[in-house]
Structure formats: structure tokens, C-alpha cells
Amino acid sequence: MEKTKRWNVIKLLLKLGFTTLLGWLVFQKIDYQQVKSIFINSDPWYILAAVLAYFASQLVSSWRLLGFINSIGLHLHFGFNFRLYMLGMFYNVFLPGGIGGDGYKIYLLRKKFQLPAKKIFLTLLLDRASGLWAICLLASVLLLFLPHFKTSEWWLVIIITGTLIYFLLYRRYFSSYLQNFIPAHSKAILVQSFQLLSIFFILSSQDFKGNYLPYLFCFLLSSLATIIPVSIGGLGIREYVMVNASPFFSMDETLAVFTTLCFYILATITAMPGIWFVYRSKEFGPMPGKKQAKTIDDDPEGIIHSH
């Protein structure tokens, strides 16, 4: 247990260090005071619209996850699933050194419904995979309208071929989830579309008159970069991608960094209501202790063997 505790502390310190390093690299290229000025002068109504768009993306995301959970014979009420989803968001944002939101979902669903933890883990993994596919799809579609790539005429072929290969692999190895394939991936597109709409509103809060597409495309690229869990909630990674992609796409570096920083802040604000389900709601149990957390890391099947 002490070894696990030390490793969790080390992971958190490494993430903090990497996030700080990326932030320092970003602000070597842009003026912090300019970013601060942009924040202060933002149109609050557009920022509110961005918050609502992001919240809508999380609402649909929880609905998508519910479809995957239903595929394994666990029929949860939408409200229960959404509250659990909000609690998971809170853990991911505010407790980055623990087992995380997904780890808590595995723990709780395994404990409450006595399902194999590995099956729940696979469900969450496929849910994430659908989101990854949607990001790649939308990024590929945006490439068709960007003049920076001379081979853009091939992107439609790449999109279709990649999706076909993805579907065949899905049917081959995850056939029990196949009936949920189209609904889940349609919802995944909707999730990412709402997040792009949130970015659109953030840019509009600055009375932006330029081309939105490079910012939207680079935001999707930055989302792909955050898949590697080396920073706190993706903070620093998105900004690093945006500031380095700006010269290639002729984007305003300061505005690009403001966009992803603002998105991070909005995501953090949206996750805050999850604190109710952590400290006030009696519907969910507390975060697993050291022993359970260690078992989740080592063997998902055994996360409630001690109960």
C-alpha cells in the first residue's frame, strides 16, 4: 500500500512538473499580459454559450456511455448514469493523483451490480475509442476545407477506408457491442461537434472575424495529444500544440492559446457540480481506500474482493 501511495504521489508530481514545463514553453512564445487582457475583454454572453455547449457535450457523452453499459446487460437509469458521470468528471479534474473517474466507475459498478470488472473496463475503453474515432473523423473532414494540405483530395478516401477498417476490427473483436456501434458513434460525433461549437463561441467572444477552421482543426489535434496522460487534465498540452501550430496555419498565437485555456477553465467549472455527489449525496460511496485503489491498478477483477 505504501508503494502504491508513493507511486501515486510521484505520478502527480511528474504531471505537475510536465504541465509547468509546457506552460513555461508556451509563455516563452506569447505575452502573458496579452492573454490576460483577452480574458478580461471577453464577451460574457458568448462565454456563457460556450459553457452551455460544453455541458451539452458532456450530457451526450454520458448518454453515449450509457449505451455501452446497456450493451453488457446493465440497464441503468439515465439520471443515475449522468450523476455518476458528473462525479467522475470531478475526480478527473480535481483529484488527478487518485484512481480517476473511470477507476471509480469500475469500482462502483462492480461493487453495486457484481459484474466482472474487466467487462466494465472494456466498456469504458470502447466508449473512449468511439470518441477518438469521432475526433479523427471530424479532423479529417476539416482538412478537406483547409488549403494548407496539397493532398486534400485523398482525405475523403482515407476517411472512408479508415472507418471501414475500424468497423471490421470492431465487428471481429467486439461483436457483443455491435448493435450499439452506429448509435454510439453518432453520439460521439455529436459530442465533438458540441465541443467545436464551444470553441466557436470562445473565438466569437473576441469579436473574431477571421477563419475559424484552422482553430477548430488545431483544437482537435490538441485533443488527440491529451490522450497521453502526462499533464493535469491536458493543461499545457493543448496550449503547446496550438502555439506551435499557429505559424503553419497563420493563426494568432495569443488567441489560439487563449482559446484552449478558456476551454480548460470552462471544463473545470462544468465539473464542479460533481462535488455534491462526492460530499453530500448518499447515492454513491466514498472514493476507494488505498487497498481498493491498488487492486484496481493491479487487477480490475478483484477491486471488491475485500467486501
C-alpha atoms as a PDB file:
ATOM      1  CA  MET A   1       0.000   0.000   0.000  1.00  0.00           C
ATOM      2  CA  GLU A   2       2.838   2.376   0.841  1.00  0.00           C
ATOM      3  CA  LYS A   3       4.445   1.606  -2.506  1.00  0.00           C
ATOM      4  CA  THR A   4       1.185   2.437  -4.312  1.00  0.00           C
ATOM      5  CA  LYS A   5       0.807   5.662  -2.330  1.00  0.00           C
ATOM      6  CA  ARG A   6       4.352   6.717  -3.201  1.00  0.00           C
ATOM      7  CA  TRP A   7       3.797   5.928  -6.881  1.00  0.00           C
ATOM      8  CA  ASN A   8       0.585   7.992  -6.935  1.00  0.00           C
ATOM      9  CA  VAL A   9       2.458  10.924  -5.404  1.00  0.00           C
ATOM     10  CA  ILE A  10       5.286  10.507  -7.921  1.00  0.00           C
ATOM     11  CA  LYS A  11       2.805  10.409 -10.825  1.00  0.00           C
ATOM     12  CA  LEU A  12       1.110  13.564  -9.603  1.00  0.00           C
ATOM     13  CA  LEU A  13       4.434  15.375  -9.183  1.00  0.00           C
ATOM     14  CA  LEU A  14       5.542  14.288 -12.649  1.00  0.00           C
ATOM     15  CA  LYS A  15       2.285  15.559 -14.148  1.00  0.00           C
ATOM     16  CA  LEU A  16       2.612  18.852 -12.292  1.00  0.00           C
ATOM     17  CA  GLY A  17       6.187  19.198 -13.454  1.00  0.00           C
ATOM     18  CA  PHE A  18       5.364  18.416 -17.067  1.00  0.00           C
ATOM     19  CA  THR A  19       2.376  20.767 -17.027  1.00  0.00           C
ATOM     20  CA  THR A  20       4.574  23.542 -15.610  1.00  0.00           C
ATOM     21  CA  LEU A  21       7.265  22.905 -18.226  1.00  0.00           C
ATOM     22  CA  LEU A  22       4.776  23.063 -21.090  1.00  0.00           C
ATOM     23  CA  GLY A  23       3.247  26.238 -19.657  1.00  0.00           C
ATOM     24  CA  TRP A  24       6.690  27.830 -19.442  1.00  0.00           C
ATOM     25  CA  LEU A  25       7.470  26.860 -23.060  1.00  0.00           C
ATOM     26  CA  VAL A  26       4.163  28.294 -24.261  1.00  0.00           C
ATOM     27  CA  PHE A  27       4.627  31.626 -22.486  1.00  0.00           C
ATOM     28  CA  GLN A  28       8.099  31.950 -23.934  1.00  0.00           C
ATOM     29  CA  LYS A  29       6.358  32.492 -27.270  1.00  0.00           C
ATOM     30  CA  ILE A  30       3.437  34.684 -26.248  1.00  0.00           C
ATOM     31  CA  ASP A  31       2.818  37.581 -23.892  1.00  0.00           C
ATOM     32  CA  TYR A  32       1.031  36.587 -20.702  1.00  0.00           C
ATOM     33  CA  GLN A  33      -0.372  40.093 -20.310  1.00  0.00           C
ATOM     34  CA  GLN A  34      -1.992  39.896 -23.751  1.00  0.00           C
ATOM     35  CA  VAL A  35      -3.692  36.636 -22.824  1.00  0.00           C
ATOM     36  CA  LYS A  36      -4.887  38.211 -19.570  1.00  0.00           C
ATOM     37  CA  SER A  37      -6.245  41.202 -21.487  1.00  0.00           C
ATOM     38  CA  ILE A  38      -8.164  38.931 -23.851  1.00  0.00           C
ATOM     39  CA  PHE A  39      -9.760  37.141 -20.904  1.00  0.00           C
ATOM     40  CA  ILE A  40     -10.837  40.417 -19.314  1.00  0.00           C
ATOM     41  CA  ASN A  41     -12.352  41.763 -22.545  1.00  0.00           C
ATOM     42  CA  SER A  42     -14.265  38.599 -23.480  1.00  0.00           C
ATOM     43  CA  ASP A  43     -17.975  38.926 -24.255  1.00  0.00           C
ATOM     44  CA  PRO A  44     -19.628  37.156 -21.269  1.00  0.00           C
ATOM     45  CA  TRP A  45     -22.658  36.058 -23.298  1.00  0.00           C
ATOM     46  CA  TYR A  46     -20.516  34.150 -25.767  1.00  0.00           C
ATOM     47  CA  ILE A  47     -18.579  32.633 -22.867  1.00  0.00           C
ATOM     48  CA  LEU A  48     -21.871  31.519 -21.328  1.00  0.00           C
ATOM     49  CA  ALA A  49     -22.865  29.999 -24.666  1.00  0.00           C
ATOM     50  CA  ALA A  50     -19.507  28.160 -24.704  1.00  0.00           C
ATOM     51  CA  VAL A  51     -20.201  26.779 -21.213  1.00  0.00           C
ATOM     52  CA  LEU A  52     -23.637  25.548 -22.285  1.00  0.00           C
ATOM     53  CA  ALA A  53     -22.216  23.958 -25.442  1.00  0.00           C
ATOM     54  CA  TYR A  54     -19.561  22.145 -23.422  1.00  0.00           C
ATOM     55  CA  PHE A  55     -22.126  20.992 -20.861  1.00  0.00           C
ATOM     56  CA  ALA A  56     -24.278  19.674 -23.719  1.00  0.00           C
ATOM     57  CA  SER A  57     -21.265  17.697 -24.968  1.00  0.00           C
ATOM     58  CA  GLN A  58     -20.909  16.050 -21.557  1.00  0.00           C
ATOM     59  CA  LEU A  59     -24.616  15.299 -21.407  1.00  0.00           C
ATOM     60  CA  VAL A  60     -24.417  13.497 -24.752  1.00  0.00           C
ATOM     61  CA  SER A  61     -21.156  11.834 -23.701  1.00  0.00           C
ATOM     62  CA  SER A  62     -22.841  10.319 -20.643  1.00  0.00           C
ATOM     63  CA  TRP A  63     -25.697   9.162 -22.901  1.00  0.00           C
ATOM     64  CA  ARG A  64     -23.137   7.506 -25.201  1.00  0.00           C
ATOM     65  CA  LEU A  65     -21.552   5.718 -22.238  1.00  0.00           C
ATOM     66  CA  LEU A  66     -24.986   4.559 -21.098  1.00  0.00           C
ATOM     67  CA  GLY A  67     -25.478   2.826 -24.460  1.00  0.00           C
ATOM     68  CA  PHE A  68     -22.234   0.886 -23.967  1.00  0.00           C
ATOM     69  CA  ILE A  69     -23.226  -0.039 -20.408  1.00  0.00           C
ATOM     70  CA  ASN A  70     -26.593  -1.271 -21.649  1.00  0.00           C
ATOM     71  CA  SER A  71     -24.760  -3.500 -24.142  1.00  0.00           C
ATOM     72  CA  ILE A  72     -23.377  -5.604 -21.286  1.00  0.00           C
ATOM     73  CA  GLY A  73     -26.815  -6.131 -19.776  1.00  0.00           C
ATOM     74  CA  LEU A  74     -26.595  -3.412 -17.165  1.00  0.00           C
ATOM     75  CA  HIS A  75     -29.635  -1.170 -17.622  1.00  0.00           C
ATOM     76  CA  LEU A  76     -29.047   1.984 -15.621  1.00  0.00           C
ATOM     77  CA  HIS A  77     -31.398   4.934 -15.440  1.00  0.00           C
ATOM     78  CA  PHE A  78     -30.168   7.927 -17.407  1.00  0.00           C
ATOM     79  CA  GLY A  79     -30.228  10.131 -14.306  1.00  0.00           C
ATOM     80  CA  PHE A  80     -28.125   7.716 -12.243  1.00  0.00           C
ATOM     81  CA  ASN A  81     -25.617   7.330 -15.054  1.00  0.00           C
ATOM     82  CA  PHE A  82     -25.339  11.084 -15.561  1.00  0.00           C
ATOM     83  CA  ARG A  83     -24.801  11.727 -11.855  1.00  0.00           C
ATOM     84  CA  LEU A  84     -22.085   9.065 -11.831  1.00  0.00           C
ATOM     85  CA  TYR A  85     -20.589  10.684 -14.920  1.00  0.00           C
ATOM     86  CA  MET A  86     -20.517  14.082 -13.201  1.00  0.00           C
ATOM     87  CA  LEU A  87     -18.844  12.558 -10.171  1.00  0.00           C
ATOM     88  CA  GLY A  88     -16.235  11.010 -12.473  1.00  0.00           C
ATOM     89  CA  MET A  89     -15.615  14.403 -14.097  1.00  0.00           C
ATOM     90  CA  PHE A  90     -14.968  15.893 -10.671  1.00  0.00           C
ATOM     91  CA  TYR A  91     -12.473  13.172  -9.763  1.00  0.00           C
ATOM     92  CA  ASN A  92     -10.633  13.589 -13.077  1.00  0.00           C
ATOM     93  CA  VAL A  93     -10.286  17.362 -12.733  1.00  0.00           C
ATOM     94  CA  PHE A  94      -9.830  17.904  -9.013  1.00  0.00           C
ATOM     95  CA  LEU A  95      -8.219  14.657  -7.822  1.00  0.00           C
ATOM     96  CA  PRO A  96      -5.659  13.896 -10.554  1.00  0.00           C
ATOM     97  CA  GLY A  97      -3.445  11.866  -8.252  1.00  0.00           C
ATOM     98  CA  GLY A  98      -6.076   9.240  -7.406  1.00  0.00           C
ATOM     99  CA  ILE A  99      -7.634   6.399  -9.374  1.00  0.00           C
ATOM    100  CA  GLY A 100      -9.539   8.842 -11.575  1.00  0.00           C
ATOM    101  CA  GLY A 101     -13.144   8.991 -12.718  1.00  0.00           C
ATOM    102  CA  ASP A 102     -13.009   5.807 -14.784  1.00  0.00           C
ATOM    103  CA  GLY A 103     -11.399   3.877 -11.955  1.00  0.00           C
ATOM    104  CA  TYR A 104     -14.171   4.979  -9.613  1.00  0.00           C
ATOM    105  CA  LYS A 105     -16.843   3.943 -12.131  1.00  0.00           C
ATOM    106  CA  ILE A 106     -15.303   0.477 -12.359  1.00  0.00           C
ATOM    107  CA  TYR A 107     -15.167   0.243  -8.589  1.00  0.00           C
ATOM    108  CA  LEU A 108     -18.737   1.413  -8.018  1.00  0.00           C
ATOM    109  CA  LEU A 109     -20.421  -0.560 -10.823  1.00  0.00           C
ATOM    110  CA  ARG A 110     -18.538  -3.716  -9.879  1.00  0.00           C
ATOM    111  CA  LYS A 111     -19.460  -3.315  -6.231  1.00  0.00           C
ATOM    112  CA  LYS A 112     -23.098  -2.389  -6.843  1.00  0.00           C
ATOM    113  CA  PHE A 113     -24.008  -4.763  -9.672  1.00  0.00           C
ATOM    114  CA  GLN A 114     -21.487  -7.618  -9.294  1.00  0.00           C
ATOM    115  CA  LEU A 115     -20.313  -7.502 -12.913  1.00  0.00           C
ATOM    116  CA  PRO A 116     -16.803  -8.554 -13.950  1.00  0.00           C
ATOM    117  CA  ALA A 117     -14.570  -5.512 -13.631  1.00  0.00           C
ATOM    118  CA  LYS A 118     -12.728  -6.344 -16.843  1.00  0.00           C
ATOM    119  CA  LYS A 119     -16.006  -6.205 -18.767  1.00  0.00           C
ATOM    120  CA  ILE A 120     -16.754  -2.766 -17.311  1.00  0.00           C
ATOM    121  CA  PHE A 121     -13.209  -1.662 -18.146  1.00  0.00           C
ATOM    122  CA  LEU A 122     -13.660  -2.812 -21.762  1.00  0.00           C
ATOM    123  CA  THR A 123     -16.948  -0.891 -21.928  1.00  0.00           C
ATOM    124  CA  LEU A 124     -15.244   2.322 -20.820  1.00  0.00           C
ATOM    125  CA  LEU A 125     -12.368   1.665 -23.221  1.00  0.00           C
ATOM    126  CA  LEU A 126     -14.707   1.265 -26.203  1.00  0.00           C
ATOM    127  CA  ASP A 127     -16.533   4.423 -25.149  1.00  0.00           C
ATOM    128  CA  ARG A 128     -13.223   6.302 -25.273  1.00  0.00           C
ATOM    129  CA  ALA A 129     -12.362   4.667 -28.614  1.00  0.00           C
ATOM    130  CA  SER A 130     -15.588   5.977 -30.155  1.00  0.00           C
ATOM    131  CA  GLY A 131     -14.625   9.479 -29.047  1.00  0.00           C
ATOM    132  CA  LEU A 132     -11.164   9.079 -30.546  1.00  0.00           C
ATOM    133  CA  TRP A 133     -12.706   7.942 -33.840  1.00  0.00           C
ATOM    134  CA  ALA A 134     -15.010  10.974 -33.890  1.00  0.00           C
ATOM    135  CA  ILE A 135     -12.091  13.359 -33.315  1.00  0.00           C
ATOM    136  CA  CYS A 136     -10.138  11.769 -36.183  1.00  0.00           C
ATOM    137  CA  LEU A 137     -13.185  11.836 -38.452  1.00  0.00           C
ATOM    138  CA  LEU A 138     -14.004  15.494 -37.842  1.00  0.00           C
ATOM    139  CA  ALA A 139     -10.336  16.493 -38.129  1.00  0.00           C
ATOM    140  CA  SER A 140     -10.152  14.682 -41.478  1.00  0.00           C
ATOM    141  CA  VAL A 141     -13.310  16.390 -42.703  1.00  0.00           C
ATOM    142  CA  LEU A 142     -11.941  19.814 -41.721  1.00  0.00           C
ATOM    143  CA  LEU A 143      -8.777  19.044 -43.668  1.00  0.00           C
ATOM    144  CA  LEU A 144     -10.871  18.935 -46.841  1.00  0.00           C
ATOM    145  CA  PHE A 145     -11.529  22.663 -46.413  1.00  0.00           C
ATOM    146  CA  LEU A 146      -8.028  23.747 -45.422  1.00  0.00           C
ATOM    147  CA  PRO A 147      -5.738  24.880 -48.257  1.00  0.00           C
ATOM    148  CA  HIS A 148      -2.580  24.023 -46.314  1.00  0.00           C
ATOM    149  CA  PHE A 149      -2.568  20.392 -47.442  1.00  0.00           C
ATOM    150  CA  LYS A 150      -1.979  19.763 -51.149  1.00  0.00           C
ATOM    151  CA  THR A 151      -3.198  16.158 -50.939  1.00  0.00           C
ATOM    152  CA  SER A 152      -6.599  17.089 -49.542  1.00  0.00           C
ATOM    153  CA  GLU A 153      -8.374  15.270 -52.397  1.00  0.00           C
ATOM    154  CA  TRP A 154      -7.185  11.990 -50.864  1.00  0.00           C
ATOM    155  CA  TRP A 155      -8.622  12.681 -47.447  1.00  0.00           C
ATOM    156  CA  LEU A 156     -12.127  11.510 -48.356  1.00  0.00           C
ATOM    157  CA  VAL A 157     -10.684   8.151 -49.427  1.00  0.00           C
ATOM    158  CA  ILE A 158      -8.646   7.971 -46.223  1.00  0.00           C
ATOM    159  CA  ILE A 159     -11.728   8.773 -44.105  1.00  0.00           C
ATOM    160  CA  ILE A 160     -13.825   6.058 -45.748  1.00  0.00           C
ATOM    161  CA  THR A 161     -11.049   3.450 -45.728  1.00  0.00           C
ATOM    162  CA  GLY A 162     -10.070   4.141 -42.116  1.00  0.00           C
ATOM    163  CA  THR A 163     -13.664   3.934 -40.914  1.00  0.00           C
ATOM    164  CA  LEU A 164     -14.212   0.672 -42.804  1.00  0.00           C
ATOM    165  CA  ILE A 165     -11.106  -0.910 -41.243  1.00  0.00           C
ATOM    166  CA  TYR A 166     -12.171   0.344 -37.818  1.00  0.00           C
ATOM    167  CA  PHE A 167     -15.644  -1.173 -38.259  1.00  0.00           C
ATOM    168  CA  LEU A 168     -14.282  -4.550 -39.421  1.00  0.00           C
ATOM    169  CA  LEU A 169     -11.953  -4.752 -36.413  1.00  0.00           C
ATOM    170  CA  TYR A 170     -14.803  -3.744 -34.141  1.00  0.00           C
ATOM    171  CA  ARG A 171     -17.068  -6.451 -35.590  1.00  0.00           C
ATOM    172  CA  ARG A 172     -14.308  -9.042 -35.338  1.00  0.00           C
ATOM    173  CA  TYR A 173     -13.252  -8.462 -31.735  1.00  0.00           C
ATOM    174  CA  PHE A 174     -16.200  -6.697 -30.062  1.00  0.00           C
ATOM    175  CA  SER A 175     -19.240  -8.281 -31.698  1.00  0.00           C
ATOM    176  CA  SER A 176     -21.295  -8.149 -28.479  1.00  0.00           C
ATOM    177  CA  TYR A 177     -21.222  -4.336 -28.740  1.00  0.00           C
ATOM    178  CA  LEU A 178     -22.013  -4.241 -32.450  1.00  0.00           C
ATOM    179  CA  GLN A 179     -25.688  -3.304 -32.082  1.00  0.00           C
ATOM    180  CA  ASN A 180     -24.564  -0.137 -30.300  1.00  0.00           C
ATOM    181  CA  PHE A 181     -21.971   0.772 -32.949  1.00  0.00           C
ATOM    182  CA  ILE A 182     -23.982   3.269 -35.008  1.00  0.00           C
ATOM    183  CA  PRO A 183     -25.798   4.942 -32.061  1.00  0.00           C
ATOM    184  CA  ALA A 184     -22.576   5.253 -30.044  1.00  0.00           C
ATOM    185  CA  HIS A 185     -20.501   6.683 -32.873  1.00  0.00           C
ATOM    186  CA  SER A 186     -23.271   9.060 -33.904  1.00  0.00           C
ATOM    187  CA  LYS A 187     -23.320  10.369 -30.344  1.00  0.00           C
ATOM    188  CA  ALA A 188     -19.518  10.601 -30.400  1.00  0.00           C
ATOM    189  CA  ILE A 189     -19.709  12.894 -33.431  1.00  0.00           C
ATOM    190  CA  LEU A 190     -22.325  14.956 -31.628  1.00  0.00           C
ATOM    191  CA  VAL A 191     -20.098  15.233 -28.531  1.00  0.00           C
ATOM    192  CA  GLN A 192     -17.146  16.537 -30.523  1.00  0.00           C
ATOM    193  CA  SER A 193     -19.402  18.836 -32.554  1.00  0.00           C
ATOM    194  CA  PHE A 194     -20.676  20.460 -29.353  1.00  0.00           C
ATOM    195  CA  GLN A 195     -17.068  20.948 -28.217  1.00  0.00           C
ATOM    196  CA  LEU A 196     -16.200  22.547 -31.549  1.00  0.00           C
ATOM    197  CA  LEU A 197     -19.236  24.770 -31.074  1.00  0.00           C
ATOM    198  CA  SER A 198     -17.840  25.722 -27.670  1.00  0.00           C
ATOM    199  CA  ILE A 199     -14.553  26.729 -29.337  1.00  0.00           C
ATOM    200  CA  PHE A 200     -16.536  28.708 -31.923  1.00  0.00           C
ATOM    201  CA  PHE A 201     -18.262  30.655 -29.140  1.00  0.00           C
ATOM    202  CA  ILE A 202     -14.946  31.253 -27.333  1.00  0.00           C
ATOM    203  CA  LEU A 203     -13.469  32.745 -30.508  1.00  0.00           C
ATOM    204  CA  SER A 204     -16.642  34.762 -31.078  1.00  0.00           C
ATOM    205  CA  SER A 205     -16.285  36.247 -27.589  1.00  0.00           C
ATOM    206  CA  GLN A 206     -13.358  38.204 -29.056  1.00  0.00           C
ATOM    207  CA  ASP A 207     -15.388  39.548 -31.990  1.00  0.00           C
ATOM    208  CA  PHE A 208     -13.298  37.276 -34.200  1.00  0.00           C
ATOM    209  CA  LYS A 209     -13.654  37.962 -37.950  1.00  0.00           C
ATOM    210  CA  GLY A 210     -11.070  35.542 -39.336  1.00  0.00           C
ATOM    211  CA  ASN A 211     -11.177  31.932 -40.491  1.00  0.00           C
ATOM    212  CA  TYR A 212     -12.441  29.626 -37.751  1.00  0.00           C
ATOM    213  CA  LEU A 213     -11.428  26.359 -39.435  1.00  0.00           C
ATOM    214  CA  PRO A 214      -7.690  26.352 -38.556  1.00  0.00           C
ATOM    215  CA  TYR A 215      -8.518  26.959 -34.882  1.00  0.00           C
ATOM    216  CA  LEU A 216     -11.125  24.189 -34.877  1.00  0.00           C
ATOM    217  CA  PHE A 217      -8.785  21.762 -36.627  1.00  0.00           C
ATOM    218  CA  CYS A 218      -5.869  22.515 -34.289  1.00  0.00           C
ATOM    219  CA  PHE A 219      -8.166  22.156 -31.301  1.00  0.00           C
ATOM    220  CA  LEU A 220      -8.979  18.619 -32.473  1.00  0.00           C
ATOM    221  CA  LEU A 221      -5.261  17.934 -32.874  1.00  0.00           C
ATOM    222  CA  SER A 222      -4.669  19.170 -29.344  1.00  0.00           C
ATOM    223  CA  SER A 223      -7.461  16.867 -28.134  1.00  0.00           C
ATOM    224  CA  LEU A 224      -5.623  13.915 -29.689  1.00  0.00           C
ATOM    225  CA  ALA A 225      -2.446  14.995 -27.891  1.00  0.00           C
ATOM    226  CA  THR A 226      -4.198  14.924 -24.493  1.00  0.00           C
ATOM    227  CA  ILE A 227      -4.805  11.177 -24.865  1.00  0.00           C
ATOM    228  CA  ILE A 228      -1.334  10.709 -23.381  1.00  0.00           C
ATOM    229  CA  PRO A 229      -1.937  11.348 -19.641  1.00  0.00           C
ATOM    230  CA  VAL A 230       1.218  13.297 -18.877  1.00  0.00           C
ATOM    231  CA  SER A 231      -0.302  16.550 -17.614  1.00  0.00           C
ATOM    232  CA  ILE A 232      -3.094  17.750 -15.335  1.00  0.00           C
ATOM    233  CA  GLY A 233      -6.311  17.434 -17.342  1.00  0.00           C
ATOM    234  CA  GLY A 234      -4.486  18.113 -20.603  1.00  0.00           C
ATOM    235  CA  LEU A 235      -3.458  21.575 -19.386  1.00  0.00           C
ATOM    236  CA  GLY A 236      -0.324  22.697 -21.160  1.00  0.00           C
ATOM    237  CA  ILE A 237      -0.517  20.071 -23.894  1.00  0.00           C
ATOM    238  CA  ARG A 238      -3.351  21.783 -25.755  1.00  0.00           C
ATOM    239  CA  GLU A 239      -1.653  25.162 -25.475  1.00  0.00           C
ATOM    240  CA  TYR A 240       1.689  23.754 -26.631  1.00  0.00           C
ATOM    241  CA  VAL A 241       0.073  22.226 -29.720  1.00  0.00           C
ATOM    242  CA  MET A 242      -1.844  25.414 -30.509  1.00  0.00           C
ATOM    243  CA  VAL A 243       1.093  27.786 -30.156  1.00  0.00           C
ATOM    244  CA  ASN A 244       3.365  25.610 -32.317  1.00  0.00           C
ATOM    245  CA  ALA A 245       0.700  25.033 -34.993  1.00  0.00           C
ATOM    246  CA  SER A 246      -0.146  28.738 -35.216  1.00  0.00           C
ATOM    247  CA  PRO A 247       2.633  29.784 -37.639  1.00  0.00           C
ATOM    248  CA  PHE A 248       1.773  26.996 -40.077  1.00  0.00           C
ATOM    249  CA  PHE A 249      -1.927  27.885 -40.121  1.00  0.00           C
ATOM    250  CA  SER A 250      -1.414  31.666 -39.863  1.00  0.00           C
ATOM    251  CA  MET A 251      -3.291  31.799 -36.568  1.00  0.00           C
ATOM    252  CA  ASP A 252      -2.892  34.432 -33.898  1.00  0.00           C
ATOM    253  CA  GLU A 253      -0.749  32.663 -31.266  1.00  0.00           C
ATOM    254  CA  THR A 254      -2.188  34.584 -28.336  1.00  0.00           C
ATOM    255  CA  LEU A 255      -5.759  33.981 -29.421  1.00  0.00           C
ATOM    256  CA  ALA A 256      -5.027  30.294 -30.049  1.00  0.00           C
ATOM    257  CA  VAL A 257      -3.643  29.818 -26.534  1.00  0.00           C
ATOM    258  CA  PHE A 258      -6.488  31.822 -25.015  1.00  0.00           C
ATOM    259  CA  THR A 259      -8.973  29.527 -26.767  1.00  0.00           C
ATOM    260  CA  THR A 260      -7.679  26.318 -25.206  1.00  0.00           C
ATOM    261  CA  LEU A 261      -7.028  27.909 -21.805  1.00  0.00           C
ATOM    262  CA  CYS A 262     -10.577  29.209 -21.749  1.00  0.00           C
ATOM    263  CA  PHE A 263     -11.844  25.764 -22.784  1.00  0.00           C
ATOM    264  CA  TYR A 264      -9.949  24.192 -19.874  1.00  0.00           C
ATOM    265  CA  ILE A 265     -11.423  26.691 -17.419  1.00  0.00           C
ATOM    266  CA  LEU A 266     -14.939  26.079 -18.742  1.00  0.00           C
ATOM    267  CA  ALA A 267     -14.444  22.310 -18.450  1.00  0.00           C
ATOM    268  CA  THR A 268     -13.251  22.771 -14.860  1.00  0.00           C
ATOM    269  CA  ILE A 269     -16.278  24.908 -13.997  1.00  0.00           C
ATOM    270  CA  THR A 270     -18.595  22.330 -15.549  1.00  0.00           C
ATOM    271  CA  ALA A 271     -17.021  19.573 -13.436  1.00  0.00           C
ATOM    272  CA  MET A 272     -17.512  21.450 -10.165  1.00  0.00           C
ATOM    273  CA  PRO A 273     -21.145  20.329  -9.536  1.00  0.00           C
ATOM    274  CA  GLY A 274     -19.749  16.809  -9.154  1.00  0.00           C
ATOM    275  CA  ILE A 275     -18.555  17.846  -5.700  1.00  0.00           C
ATOM    276  CA  TRP A 276     -22.154  17.428  -4.476  1.00  0.00           C
ATOM    277  CA  PHE A 277     -22.055  13.711  -5.261  1.00  0.00           C
ATOM    278  CA  VAL A 278     -18.707  13.359  -3.501  1.00  0.00           C
ATOM    279  CA  TYR A 279     -19.509  15.039  -0.195  1.00  0.00           C
ATOM    280  CA  ARG A 280     -23.280  15.440   0.101  1.00  0.00           C
ATOM    281  CA  SER A 281     -25.047  12.746  -1.872  1.00  0.00           C
ATOM    282  CA  LYS A 282     -25.587   9.370  -0.193  1.00  0.00           C
ATOM    283  CA  GLU A 283     -26.174   7.674  -3.545  1.00  0.00           C
ATOM    284  CA  PHE A 284     -22.518   6.854  -4.117  1.00  0.00           C
ATOM    285  CA  GLY A 285     -19.892   5.510  -1.769  1.00  0.00           C
ATOM    286  CA  PRO A 286     -16.619   7.240  -0.952  1.00  0.00           C
ATOM    287  CA  MET A 287     -13.501   7.022  -3.076  1.00  0.00           C
ATOM    288  CA  PRO A 288     -11.887   3.568  -2.645  1.00  0.00           C
ATOM    289  CA  GLY A 289      -9.234   3.349   0.021  1.00  0.00           C
ATOM    290  CA  LYS A 290      -5.610   2.515  -0.555  1.00  0.00           C
ATOM    291  CA  LYS A 291      -6.183  -1.244  -0.759  1.00  0.00           C
ATOM    292  CA  GLN A 292      -9.025  -0.991  -3.280  1.00  0.00           C
ATOM    293  CA  ALA A 293      -7.192   1.604  -5.342  1.00  0.00           C
ATOM    294  CA  LYS A 294      -4.135  -0.639  -5.516  1.00  0.00           C
ATOM    295  CA  THR A 295      -6.293  -3.576  -6.613  1.00  0.00           C
ATOM    296  CA  ILE A 296      -7.858  -1.502  -9.392  1.00  0.00           C
ATOM    297  CA  ASP A 297      -4.389  -0.724 -10.721  1.00  0.00           C
ATOM    298  CA  ASP A 298      -3.130  -4.310 -10.411  1.00  0.00           C
ATOM    299  CA  ASP A 299      -6.213  -6.429 -11.151  1.00  0.00           C
ATOM    300  CA  PRO A 300      -9.581  -4.902 -12.142  1.00  0.00           C
ATOM    301  CA  GLU A 301     -11.289  -8.243 -11.432  1.00  0.00           C
ATOM    302  CA  GLY A 302     -10.516  -8.025  -7.764  1.00  0.00           C
ATOM    303  CA  ILE A 303     -11.481  -4.498  -6.866  1.00  0.00           C
ATOM    304  CA  ILE A 304     -14.102  -5.574  -4.342  1.00  0.00           C
ATOM    305  CA  HIS A 305     -12.664  -8.889  -3.180  1.00  0.00           C
ATOM    306  CA  SER A 306     -12.266  -7.353   0.252  1.00  0.00           C
ATOM    307  CA  HIS A 307     -16.025  -6.648   0.538  1.00  0.00           C
END
